[in-house]
Amino acid sequence: MVDQPPAYGSSLTVYGKLYSQSVSNPNPRPENRHPWQRCDDSTQPLAETQVQVRLFRDIDALVRSLPNRSAWLRRVITEAAQRELMGGSQQ
């Protein structure tokens, strides 16, 4: 029987010591951090965390086919939020 590797994000015990298998760096170095470059002409500060959503397969294929999908998604979500959540106000 061949041992299977642990699943992504799981823990591994070796010689009684517990190791977490994570993709994040436990010792990040500031000199290795690079700011995201904008993919559009916007100047407003971006949120610290991302909003993520799963799309229906057909919509996902269309969005992924766009040449600049991040800028398009940001614009469409902003327009919808202004229209539906902020009463149509533009900032």
N, C-alpha and C. Protein backbone atom coordinates (compact mmCIF):
# COMPACT_ATOMS: atom_id res chain seq x y z
N MET A 1 0.85 -1.18 0.00
CA MET A 1 0.00 0.00 0.00
C MET A 1 0.89 1.24 0.00
N VAL A 2 0.63 2.17 -0.90
CA VAL A 2 1.40 3.39 -1.01
C VAL A 2 0.72 4.48 -0.20
N ASP A 3 1.52 5.17 0.64
CA ASP A 3 0.96 6.27 1.41
C ASP A 3 0.61 7.42 0.49
N GLN A 4 -0.56 7.98 0.65
CA GLN A 4 -1.00 9.12 -0.12
C GLN A 4 -0.56 10.40 0.58
N PRO A 5 -0.17 11.42 -0.18
CA PRO A 5 0.18 12.69 0.46
C PRO A 5 -1.06 13.30 1.10
N PRO A 6 -0.87 14.08 2.16
CA PRO A 6 -2.03 14.69 2.81
C PRO A 6 -2.71 15.69 1.88
N ALA A 7 -3.98 15.88 2.12
CA ALA A 7 -4.77 16.81 1.30
C ALA A 7 -4.28 18.24 1.52
N TYR A 8 -4.52 19.09 0.53
CA TYR A 8 -4.14 20.50 0.60
C TYR A 8 -4.76 21.14 1.82
N GLY A 9 -3.96 21.87 2.56
CA GLY A 9 -4.45 22.57 3.73
C GLY A 9 -4.54 21.70 4.97
N SER A 10 -4.11 20.45 4.87
CA SER A 10 -4.21 19.56 6.02
C SER A 10 -2.93 19.60 6.83
N SER A 11 -2.88 18.80 7.88
CA SER A 11 -1.70 18.74 8.74
C SER A 11 -0.96 17.45 8.51
N LEU A 12 0.28 17.44 8.86
CA LEU A 12 1.12 16.27 8.70
C LEU A 12 1.90 16.08 9.99
N THR A 13 1.91 14.87 10.53
CA THR A 13 2.66 14.59 11.74
C THR A 13 3.89 13.77 11.38
N VAL A 14 5.07 14.27 11.72
CA VAL A 14 6.33 13.59 11.47
C VAL A 14 7.07 13.49 12.79
N TYR A 15 7.40 12.27 13.20
CA TYR A 15 8.09 12.02 14.45
C TYR A 15 7.45 12.77 15.62
N GLY A 16 6.12 12.74 15.65
CA GLY A 16 5.39 13.34 16.75
C GLY A 16 5.23 14.84 16.68
N LYS A 17 5.80 15.49 15.65
CA LYS A 17 5.69 16.94 15.54
C LYS A 17 4.66 17.26 14.45
N LEU A 18 3.75 18.16 14.75
CA LEU A 18 2.68 18.51 13.83
C LEU A 18 3.13 19.64 12.91
N TYR A 19 2.99 19.41 11.61
CA TYR A 19 3.31 20.42 10.60
C TYR A 19 2.04 20.74 9.83
N SER A 20 1.81 22.00 9.60
CA SER A 20 0.67 22.42 8.79
C SER A 20 1.14 22.62 7.37
N GLN A 21 0.41 22.07 6.42
CA GLN A 21 0.76 22.27 5.02
C GLN A 21 -0.04 23.45 4.50
N SER A 22 0.62 24.56 4.39
CA SER A 22 -0.03 25.79 3.96
C SER A 22 0.79 26.41 2.85
N VAL A 23 0.14 27.15 1.97
CA VAL A 23 0.86 27.80 0.90
C VAL A 23 1.40 29.17 1.30
N SER A 24 0.99 29.68 2.47
CA SER A 24 1.48 30.98 2.89
C SER A 24 2.89 30.85 3.47
N ASN A 25 3.63 31.93 3.34
CA ASN A 25 5.00 31.96 3.83
C ASN A 25 5.00 32.31 5.31
N PRO A 26 5.52 31.44 6.19
CA PRO A 26 5.51 31.74 7.63
C PRO A 26 6.49 32.85 8.01
N ASN A 27 7.44 33.15 7.14
CA ASN A 27 8.44 34.19 7.41
C ASN A 27 8.52 35.17 6.24
N PRO A 28 7.47 35.97 6.03
CA PRO A 28 7.51 36.89 4.89
C PRO A 28 8.55 37.98 5.08
N ARG A 29 9.15 38.42 4.00
CA ARG A 29 10.15 39.48 4.05
C ARG A 29 9.61 40.68 3.28
N PRO A 30 9.64 41.86 3.91
CA PRO A 30 9.08 43.05 3.26
C PRO A 30 9.70 43.35 1.91
N GLU A 31 10.98 43.06 1.72
CA GLU A 31 11.63 43.38 0.45
C GLU A 31 11.12 42.49 -0.69
N ASN A 32 10.43 41.39 -0.35
CA ASN A 32 9.88 40.51 -1.38
C ASN A 32 8.44 40.84 -1.74
N ARG A 33 7.86 41.81 -1.05
CA ARG A 33 6.48 42.19 -1.34
C ARG A 33 6.46 43.24 -2.43
N HIS A 34 5.61 43.05 -3.39
CA HIS A 34 5.46 43.99 -4.49
C HIS A 34 4.01 44.42 -4.57
N PRO A 35 3.74 45.71 -4.65
CA PRO A 35 2.34 46.15 -4.73
C PRO A 35 1.71 45.72 -6.06
N TRP A 36 0.43 45.49 -6.01
CA TRP A 36 -0.30 45.14 -7.22
C TRP A 36 -0.27 46.32 -8.17
N GLN A 37 -0.09 46.05 -9.42
CA GLN A 37 -0.18 47.11 -10.41
C GLN A 37 -1.61 47.20 -10.90
N ARG A 38 -2.09 48.41 -11.05
CA ARG A 38 -3.45 48.63 -11.51
C ARG A 38 -3.60 48.18 -12.96
N CYS A 39 -4.74 47.61 -13.25
CA CYS A 39 -5.02 47.18 -14.61
C CYS A 39 -5.97 48.15 -15.30
N ASP A 40 -6.25 49.27 -14.64
CA ASP A 40 -7.12 50.29 -15.22
C ASP A 40 -6.62 51.67 -14.79
N ASP A 41 -7.38 52.70 -15.11
CA ASP A 41 -6.96 54.07 -14.81
C ASP A 41 -7.54 54.59 -13.50
N SER A 42 -8.12 53.73 -12.68
CA SER A 42 -8.74 54.18 -11.43
C SER A 42 -7.69 54.67 -10.45
N THR A 43 -8.10 55.57 -9.58
CA THR A 43 -7.16 56.14 -8.61
C THR A 43 -7.62 55.96 -7.17
N GLN A 44 -8.84 55.48 -6.97
CA GLN A 44 -9.34 55.27 -5.62
C GLN A 44 -8.55 54.15 -4.94
N PRO A 45 -8.34 54.26 -3.63
CA PRO A 45 -7.63 53.18 -2.93
C PRO A 45 -8.44 51.88 -2.98
N LEU A 46 -7.74 50.78 -3.11
CA LEU A 46 -8.38 49.47 -3.16
C LEU A 46 -8.49 48.89 -1.75
N ALA A 47 -9.46 48.03 -1.55
CA ALA A 47 -9.65 47.37 -0.26
C ALA A 47 -8.46 46.46 0.05
N GLU A 48 -8.24 46.21 1.32
CA GLU A 48 -7.13 45.35 1.74
C GLU A 48 -7.37 43.89 1.38
N THR A 49 -8.63 43.47 1.35
CA THR A 49 -8.95 42.08 1.04
C THR A 49 -9.77 42.01 -0.23
N GLN A 50 -9.77 40.85 -0.84
CA GLN A 50 -10.47 40.64 -2.10
C GLN A 50 -11.88 40.12 -1.85
N VAL A 51 -12.76 40.39 -2.79
CA VAL A 51 -14.09 39.79 -2.81
C VAL A 51 -14.03 38.71 -3.88
N GLN A 52 -14.44 37.51 -3.50
CA GLN A 52 -14.39 36.40 -4.45
C GLN A 52 -15.77 35.78 -4.57
N VAL A 53 -16.11 35.36 -5.77
CA VAL A 53 -17.42 34.77 -6.01
C VAL A 53 -17.29 33.74 -7.13
N ARG A 54 -18.03 32.67 -7.03
CA ARG A 54 -18.08 31.69 -8.11
C ARG A 54 -19.21 32.08 -9.05
N LEU A 55 -18.94 31.99 -10.31
CA LEU A 55 -19.92 32.33 -11.33
C LEU A 55 -20.48 31.07 -11.96
N PHE A 56 -21.62 31.21 -12.62
CA PHE A 56 -22.13 30.10 -13.41
C PHE A 56 -21.13 29.82 -14.53
N ARG A 57 -21.05 28.60 -14.98
CA ARG A 57 -20.02 28.20 -15.95
C ARG A 57 -20.04 29.04 -17.22
N ASP A 58 -21.23 29.29 -17.76
CA ASP A 58 -21.29 30.04 -19.01
C ASP A 58 -20.84 31.49 -18.82
N ILE A 59 -21.22 32.10 -17.69
CA ILE A 59 -20.80 33.47 -17.40
C ILE A 59 -19.31 33.50 -17.12
N ASP A 60 -18.81 32.52 -16.39
CA ASP A 60 -17.38 32.44 -16.09
C ASP A 60 -16.56 32.40 -17.38
N ALA A 61 -17.00 31.61 -18.34
CA ALA A 61 -16.27 31.51 -19.60
C ALA A 61 -16.24 32.85 -20.33
N LEU A 62 -17.36 33.56 -20.30
CA LEU A 62 -17.41 34.88 -20.94
C LEU A 62 -16.49 35.88 -20.26
N VAL A 63 -16.54 35.92 -18.93
CA VAL A 63 -15.71 36.87 -18.18
C VAL A 63 -14.24 36.56 -18.38
N ARG A 64 -13.87 35.28 -18.34
CA ARG A 64 -12.46 34.91 -18.52
C ARG A 64 -11.95 35.18 -19.93
N SER A 65 -12.87 35.33 -20.88
CA SER A 65 -12.44 35.62 -22.25
C SER A 65 -12.12 37.11 -22.45
N LEU A 66 -12.46 37.94 -21.49
CA LEU A 66 -12.19 39.37 -21.61
C LEU A 66 -10.70 39.65 -21.48
N PRO A 67 -10.18 40.59 -22.25
CA PRO A 67 -8.75 40.88 -22.18
C PRO A 67 -8.33 41.53 -20.86
N ASN A 68 -9.23 42.27 -20.22
CA ASN A 68 -8.89 42.96 -18.98
C ASN A 68 -10.02 42.74 -17.97
N ARG A 69 -10.20 41.48 -17.58
CA ARG A 69 -11.37 41.12 -16.79
C ARG A 69 -11.41 41.76 -15.40
N SER A 70 -10.28 41.99 -14.77
CA SER A 70 -10.29 42.62 -13.45
C SER A 70 -10.85 44.03 -13.51
N ALA A 71 -10.40 44.80 -14.48
CA ALA A 71 -10.90 46.16 -14.64
C ALA A 71 -12.39 46.15 -14.98
N TRP A 72 -12.80 45.22 -15.85
CA TRP A 72 -14.21 45.13 -16.23
C TRP A 72 -15.06 44.76 -15.02
N LEU A 73 -14.64 43.74 -14.27
CA LEU A 73 -15.39 43.33 -13.08
C LEU A 73 -15.47 44.46 -12.06
N ARG A 74 -14.37 45.15 -11.83
CA ARG A 74 -14.36 46.27 -10.88
C ARG A 74 -15.36 47.35 -11.33
N ARG A 75 -15.36 47.67 -12.62
CA ARG A 75 -16.26 48.70 -13.13
C ARG A 75 -17.72 48.27 -13.00
N VAL A 76 -18.04 47.04 -13.40
CA VAL A 76 -19.42 46.56 -13.37
C VAL A 76 -19.93 46.45 -11.94
N ILE A 77 -19.12 45.94 -11.04
CA ILE A 77 -19.54 45.82 -9.63
C ILE A 77 -19.72 47.20 -9.02
N THR A 78 -18.81 48.12 -9.32
CA THR A 78 -18.93 49.48 -8.79
C THR A 78 -20.20 50.15 -9.30
N GLU A 79 -20.48 50.03 -10.59
CA GLU A 79 -21.70 50.62 -11.14
C GLU A 79 -22.95 50.03 -10.49
N ALA A 80 -22.98 48.73 -10.30
CA ALA A 80 -24.14 48.08 -9.67
C ALA A 80 -24.29 48.51 -8.21
N ALA A 81 -23.18 48.61 -7.49
CA ALA A 81 -23.24 49.03 -6.09
C ALA A 81 -23.72 50.47 -5.98
N GLN A 82 -23.24 51.34 -6.85
CA GLN A 82 -23.68 52.73 -6.83
C GLN A 82 -25.16 52.83 -7.15
N ARG A 83 -25.62 52.06 -8.11
CA ARG A 83 -27.01 52.10 -8.54
C ARG A 83 -27.94 51.47 -7.50
N GLU A 84 -27.55 50.29 -6.98
CA GLU A 84 -28.46 49.53 -6.14
C GLU A 84 -28.25 49.73 -4.65
N LEU A 85 -27.07 50.05 -4.22
CA LEU A 85 -26.78 50.17 -2.78
C LEU A 85 -26.59 51.59 -2.30
N MET A 86 -26.24 52.49 -3.23
CA MET A 86 -25.96 53.87 -2.84
C MET A 86 -27.00 54.84 -3.41
N GLY A 87 -28.07 54.33 -3.94
CA GLY A 87 -29.14 55.18 -4.45
C GLY A 87 -28.77 55.95 -5.70
N GLY A 88 -27.85 55.44 -6.49
CA GLY A 88 -27.50 56.08 -7.75
C GLY A 88 -26.43 57.15 -7.65
N SER A 89 -25.85 57.33 -6.47
CA SER A 89 -24.83 58.38 -6.32
C SER A 89 -23.53 57.93 -6.95
N GLN A 90 -22.84 58.86 -7.60
CA GLN A 90 -21.55 58.61 -8.23
C GLN A 90 -20.47 59.24 -7.38
N GLN A 91 -19.42 58.50 -7.10
CA GLN A 91 -18.30 59.08 -6.34
C GLN A 91 -17.05 59.03 -7.15
